[in-house]
Amino acid sequence: MPLHTTDILDIDDVTPAELDALIDRAAVLKAGGIDPQLRDRTLGMIFEKPSTRTRVSFETGMSRLGGHAMFLGPDDIQLGHGEPLRDTARVLGRYVDAVMARLFDHADAEVLAEHADCPVINGLTDEAHPCQTLADLLTIRESVGSDATVAWVGDGNNVGQSFVVGAAMAGIDVSVATPADYGMDPAVFDRAAAFGADIEPTTDPDEIRRCLREQLLSPVQWAPTLRRMQEDGAARFVEVGTGQVLQGLVGRTLDEEAEAIGAGTPEEIARLTEA
């Protein structure tokens, strides 16, 4: 199914039908139905911030589809310094077939999309992570099916904001529980409501116990996120709520999970959180 848009800066830049078709296509590719449709195509990958999974997945995907991915870090191009970002976008649009950008400011992704004469894909910004949502929705479909109930527990970050909207588009029921100072942008719930979702986020740690009876999708880096919330005064939420959910679902306490992923020191926790 051809998309009605050339850019994907957040998950609802596509329609629900297009989202479903993308996940269908991803399942076919994952099952080995590789068709090198991107032969002789080049993807310019802008990385303002480092990443392991985003870089490896995009490079691997382009290679397996017959194309080439070009890494463009802050030391490789004049990213916002030396020349305006809009000029960088214009230059890239003349040379590459598409741009994937992993940036801090979401407004910068919008500038790229406005001025680049090629498709622009958001590989992550401070506000959104649509590619992660696509992967999460495929995983949910494969593991529990489309009739799923998901609880988002923890930091209402960029990953959570895109996921809540994407889940609404996919017809997945979502509940959201975050500490008071770590909530999602209220506009996220308005966007989800446009697809029929009725989400009432909570900051009450006692509500977290209810999530033990639900499926759970939470930030990838459990321990750094929870430690950071704990250090910032959300200790009761972590101890009464999220810690119980973590132990109930993965069989490890917060401290055991921190040790398991090597986040036992403040320096390691800060490093993982920044990543």
Protein backbone atom coordinates (compact mmCIF):
# COMPACT_ATOMS: atom_id res chain seq x y z
CA MET A 1 0.00 0.00 0.00
CA PRO A 2 1.55 3.36 -1.01
CA LEU A 3 1.61 5.84 1.88
CA HIS A 4 -0.25 9.11 1.57
CA THR A 5 2.72 10.90 3.15
CA THR A 6 6.39 11.04 2.22
CA ASP A 7 7.63 11.71 5.77
CA ILE A 8 7.14 9.81 9.03
CA LEU A 9 7.96 12.10 11.93
CA ASP A 10 5.49 10.47 14.32
CA ILE A 11 3.37 7.38 14.17
CA ASP A 12 0.13 9.14 13.26
CA ASP A 13 1.66 10.62 10.14
CA VAL A 14 0.31 7.41 8.60
CA THR A 15 -3.31 6.28 8.70
CA PRO A 16 -4.48 3.26 10.73
CA ALA A 17 -4.83 1.28 7.49
CA GLU A 18 -1.30 2.25 6.44
CA LEU A 19 0.02 1.33 9.89
CA ASP A 20 -1.59 -2.10 9.63
CA ALA A 21 -0.10 -2.56 6.17
CA LEU A 22 3.36 -1.56 7.40
CA ILE A 23 3.21 -4.13 10.19
CA ASP A 24 1.97 -6.77 7.74
CA ARG A 25 4.91 -5.98 5.47
CA ALA A 26 7.35 -6.08 8.38
CA ALA A 27 6.08 -9.54 9.34
CA VAL A 28 6.65 -10.79 5.79
CA LEU A 29 10.18 -9.39 5.72
CA LYS A 30 10.96 -10.84 9.13
CA ALA A 31 9.77 -14.26 7.95
CA GLY A 32 12.35 -14.17 5.17
CA GLY A 33 10.35 -12.66 2.35
CA ILE A 34 13.19 -10.38 1.33
CA ASP A 35 12.67 -8.50 -1.91
CA PRO A 36 15.60 -6.18 -2.76
CA GLN A 37 13.36 -3.28 -3.66
CA LEU A 38 15.93 -0.68 -2.58
CA ARG A 39 18.72 -1.67 -4.94
CA ASP A 40 20.92 1.33 -5.83
CA ARG A 41 19.11 3.48 -3.24
CA THR A 42 20.96 5.42 -0.53
CA LEU A 43 19.71 6.24 2.97
CA GLY A 44 21.39 9.18 4.69
CA MET A 45 21.40 8.53 8.44
CA ILE A 46 21.83 11.66 10.58
CA PHE A 47 22.87 10.89 14.15
CA GLU A 48 22.96 13.90 16.45
CA LYS A 49 23.01 11.43 19.35
CA PRO A 50 24.57 7.95 19.39
CA SER A 51 22.65 4.71 19.11
CA THR A 52 23.32 1.01 18.83
CA ARG A 53 19.96 -0.45 17.75
CA THR A 54 18.83 2.36 15.47
CA ARG A 55 22.05 2.42 13.48
CA VAL A 56 22.46 -1.33 13.23
CA SER A 57 18.81 -1.98 12.33
CA PHE A 58 18.66 0.68 9.62
CA GLU A 59 22.02 -0.28 8.12
CA THR A 60 21.12 -3.96 8.15
CA GLY A 61 17.69 -3.31 6.69
CA MET A 62 19.05 -1.21 3.85
CA SER A 63 21.72 -3.80 3.08
CA ARG A 64 19.29 -6.70 3.00
CA LEU A 65 16.94 -4.73 0.76
CA GLY A 66 19.74 -4.03 -1.69
CA GLY A 67 20.47 -0.43 -0.72
CA HIS A 68 23.21 1.45 1.07
CA ALA A 69 23.10 3.36 4.37
CA MET A 70 25.41 6.31 4.97
CA PHE A 71 26.24 7.27 8.57
CA LEU A 72 26.34 11.03 9.12
CA GLY A 73 27.37 11.98 12.65
CA PRO A 74 27.78 15.48 14.10
CA ASP A 75 31.48 15.43 13.20
CA ASP A 76 30.79 14.34 9.61
CA ILE A 77 28.42 17.08 8.44
CA GLN A 78 27.63 20.67 9.40
CA LEU A 79 24.64 19.75 11.54
CA GLY A 80 23.16 23.07 12.59
CA HIS A 81 26.53 24.79 12.87
CA GLY A 82 28.44 26.17 9.93
CA GLU A 83 25.29 26.23 7.80
CA PRO A 84 21.57 26.39 8.58
CA LEU A 85 19.84 23.06 9.04
CA ARG A 86 17.51 23.83 6.14
CA ASP A 87 20.52 24.07 3.82
CA THR A 88 21.82 20.72 5.03
CA ALA A 89 18.38 19.28 4.29
CA ARG A 90 18.38 20.71 0.77
CA VAL A 91 21.82 19.27 0.03
CA LEU A 92 20.96 15.82 1.37
CA GLY A 93 17.72 15.81 -0.60
CA ARG A 94 19.69 16.19 -3.82
CA TYR A 95 22.04 13.28 -3.14
CA VAL A 96 20.24 10.59 -1.13
CA ASP A 97 16.92 8.83 -1.66
CA ALA A 98 15.74 9.17 1.95
CA VAL A 99 16.91 10.55 5.29
CA MET A 100 16.65 8.94 8.71
CA ALA A 101 17.39 11.39 11.52
CA ARG A 102 18.04 10.69 15.18
CA LEU A 103 17.92 14.11 16.83
CA PHE A 104 17.22 15.90 20.07
CA ASP A 105 14.78 18.66 19.06
CA HIS A 106 11.68 17.46 17.24
CA ALA A 107 11.46 20.83 15.50
CA ASP A 108 14.73 20.00 13.74
CA ALA A 109 13.15 16.89 12.24
CA GLU A 110 10.32 19.08 10.97
CA VAL A 111 12.84 21.44 9.35
CA LEU A 112 14.52 18.50 7.63
CA ALA A 113 11.20 17.23 6.34
CA GLU A 114 10.18 20.67 5.10
CA HIS A 115 13.34 21.37 3.13
CA ALA A 116 14.66 17.95 2.04
CA ASP A 117 13.39 16.89 -1.37
CA CYS A 118 13.17 13.25 -0.24
CA PRO A 119 11.36 11.25 2.47
CA VAL A 120 12.44 11.90 6.07
CA ILE A 121 12.03 9.28 8.81
CA ASN A 122 12.25 10.13 12.49
CA GLY A 123 14.73 7.72 14.09
CA LEU A 124 14.11 9.40 17.47
CA THR A 125 13.58 12.89 18.84
CA ASP A 126 12.85 14.14 22.33
CA GLU A 127 9.13 14.00 21.54
CA ALA A 128 8.66 10.87 19.43
CA HIS A 129 10.04 7.48 18.39
CA PRO A 130 7.70 6.11 15.70
CA CYS A 131 10.06 3.39 14.49
CA GLN A 132 10.18 1.90 17.99
CA THR A 133 6.38 1.90 18.03
CA LEU A 134 6.27 -0.03 14.75
CA ALA A 135 8.59 -2.65 16.24
CA ASP A 136 6.59 -2.80 19.48
CA LEU A 137 3.29 -3.27 17.66
CA LEU A 138 4.75 -6.08 15.56
CA THR A 139 6.05 -7.77 18.71
CA ILE A 140 2.67 -7.46 20.44
CA ARG A 141 0.90 -8.90 17.41
CA GLU A 142 3.32 -11.85 17.31
CA SER A 143 3.28 -12.54 21.03
CA VAL A 144 -0.28 -11.88 22.26
CA GLY A 145 -2.25 -10.93 19.17
CA SER A 146 -4.18 -7.80 18.33
CA ASP A 147 -6.61 -8.15 21.25
CA ALA A 148 -4.08 -6.90 23.76
CA THR A 149 -4.17 -4.74 26.85
CA VAL A 150 -1.00 -2.80 27.58
CA ALA A 151 0.04 -0.82 30.64
CA TRP A 152 2.68 1.84 30.18
CA VAL A 153 4.38 2.26 33.56
CA GLY A 154 7.18 4.72 34.23
CA ASP A 155 8.63 7.72 32.46
CA GLY A 156 6.19 9.28 29.96
CA ASN A 157 8.99 9.71 27.46
CA ASN A 158 9.23 9.93 23.67
CA VAL A 159 8.86 6.17 23.29
CA GLY A 160 5.73 6.16 25.43
CA GLN A 161 4.13 9.08 23.63
CA SER A 162 4.47 7.48 20.20
CA PHE A 163 3.40 4.10 21.55
CA VAL A 164 0.19 5.39 23.14
CA VAL A 165 -0.91 6.93 19.84
CA GLY A 166 0.20 3.92 17.80
CA ALA A 167 -1.60 1.52 20.11
CA ALA A 168 -4.79 3.56 19.74
CA MET A 169 -4.44 3.38 15.97
CA ALA A 170 -4.01 -0.40 16.21
CA GLY A 171 -7.04 -0.84 18.50
CA ILE A 172 -4.98 -1.84 21.53
CA ASP A 173 -6.25 -0.83 24.97
CA VAL A 174 -3.67 1.18 26.91
CA SER A 175 -3.45 2.46 30.46
CA VAL A 176 -0.76 4.92 31.51
CA ALA A 177 0.81 5.40 34.93
CA THR A 178 3.64 7.87 35.48
CA PRO A 179 5.05 9.88 38.37
CA ALA A 180 3.59 13.38 38.51
CA ASP A 181 6.66 15.09 37.05
CA TYR A 182 7.19 12.48 34.36
CA GLY A 183 3.87 12.53 32.57
CA MET A 184 3.20 12.59 28.85
CA ASP A 185 2.21 15.67 26.91
CA PRO A 186 -1.60 15.98 27.31
CA ALA A 187 -1.85 16.42 23.54
CA VAL A 188 -0.80 12.77 23.20
CA PHE A 189 -4.08 11.64 24.74
CA ASP A 190 -6.04 13.97 22.48
CA ARG A 191 -4.32 12.41 19.48
CA ALA A 192 -5.10 8.93 20.80
CA ALA A 193 -8.72 9.94 21.36
CA ALA A 194 -8.97 10.78 17.66
CA PHE A 195 -8.60 7.04 17.04
CA GLY A 196 -11.21 6.07 19.62
CA ALA A 197 -9.00 5.62 22.70
CA ASP A 198 -10.22 6.84 26.07
CA ILE A 199 -7.11 7.01 28.25
CA GLU A 200 -7.10 8.46 31.75
CA PRO A 201 -3.46 8.65 32.86
CA THR A 202 -2.75 8.28 36.55
CA THR A 203 0.02 9.38 38.88
CA ASP A 204 -1.30 7.29 41.80
CA PRO A 205 1.22 4.58 42.73
CA ASP A 206 -1.55 2.40 44.14
CA GLU A 207 -3.00 2.16 40.63
CA ILE A 208 0.17 0.37 39.54
CA ARG A 209 -0.95 -2.82 41.28
CA ARG A 210 -3.72 -3.09 38.72
CA CYS A 211 -1.08 -3.29 36.02
CA LEU A 212 0.11 -6.63 37.41
CA ARG A 213 -2.93 -8.14 35.73
CA GLU A 214 -2.10 -6.55 32.38
CA GLN A 215 0.55 -6.84 29.73
CA LEU A 216 3.40 -4.38 30.27
CA LEU A 217 5.40 -2.26 27.89
CA SER A 218 7.89 -0.03 29.63
CA PRO A 219 11.04 1.92 28.70
CA VAL A 220 13.80 -0.32 27.41
CA GLN A 221 16.27 0.70 30.08
CA TRP A 222 14.38 -0.28 33.21
CA ALA A 223 16.91 0.41 35.93
CA PRO A 224 18.23 3.79 34.74
CA THR A 225 14.72 5.16 34.30
CA LEU A 226 13.50 3.92 37.66
CA ARG A 227 16.66 4.99 39.48
CA ARG A 228 16.40 8.47 37.99
CA MET A 229 12.78 8.79 39.11
CA GLN A 230 13.73 7.52 42.55
CA GLU A 231 16.54 10.04 42.90
CA ASP A 232 14.22 12.85 41.78
CA GLY A 233 11.70 12.24 44.52
CA ALA A 234 9.37 9.69 42.97
CA ALA A 235 10.51 7.01 45.40
CA ARG A 236 7.04 5.98 46.58
CA PHE A 237 5.88 5.46 43.01
CA VAL A 238 8.89 3.29 42.28
CA GLU A 239 8.80 1.27 45.50
CA VAL A 240 5.04 0.78 45.78
CA GLY A 241 4.22 0.55 42.13
CA THR A 242 6.76 0.05 39.40
CA GLY A 243 9.11 -2.08 41.45
CA GLN A 244 6.30 -4.55 42.14
CA VAL A 245 5.36 -4.69 38.48
CA LEU A 246 8.96 -5.31 37.50
CA GLN A 247 9.42 -8.10 40.01
CA GLY A 248 6.11 -9.70 39.07
CA LEU A 249 6.81 -9.70 35.34
CA VAL A 250 10.50 -10.46 35.00
CA GLY A 251 11.09 -12.18 38.34
CA ARG A 252 13.70 -9.67 39.48
CA THR A 253 13.66 -6.77 41.89
CA LEU A 254 14.78 -3.31 40.84
CA ASP A 255 18.23 -3.88 42.34
CA GLU A 256 18.54 -7.27 40.64
CA GLU A 257 17.52 -5.76 37.31
CA ALA A 258 20.06 -2.97 37.74
CA GLU A 259 22.76 -5.54 38.37
CA ALA A 260 21.59 -7.68 35.44
CA ILE A 261 22.01 -4.85 32.92
CA GLY A 262 25.18 -3.51 34.50
CA ALA A 263 23.70 -0.31 35.89
CA GLY A 264 24.93 -0.66 39.43
CA THR A 265 26.84 2.61 39.72
CA PRO A 266 25.65 6.20 39.31
CA GLU A 267 28.08 6.64 36.41
CA GLU A 268 26.69 3.61 34.57
CA ILE A 269 23.11 4.65 35.27
CA ALA A 270 23.77 8.14 33.88
CA ARG A 271 25.47 6.72 30.82
CA LEU A 272 22.61 4.38 30.03
CA THR A 273 19.99 7.03 30.68
CA GLU A 274 21.67 9.45 28.27
CA ALA A 275 21.87 6.73 25.62
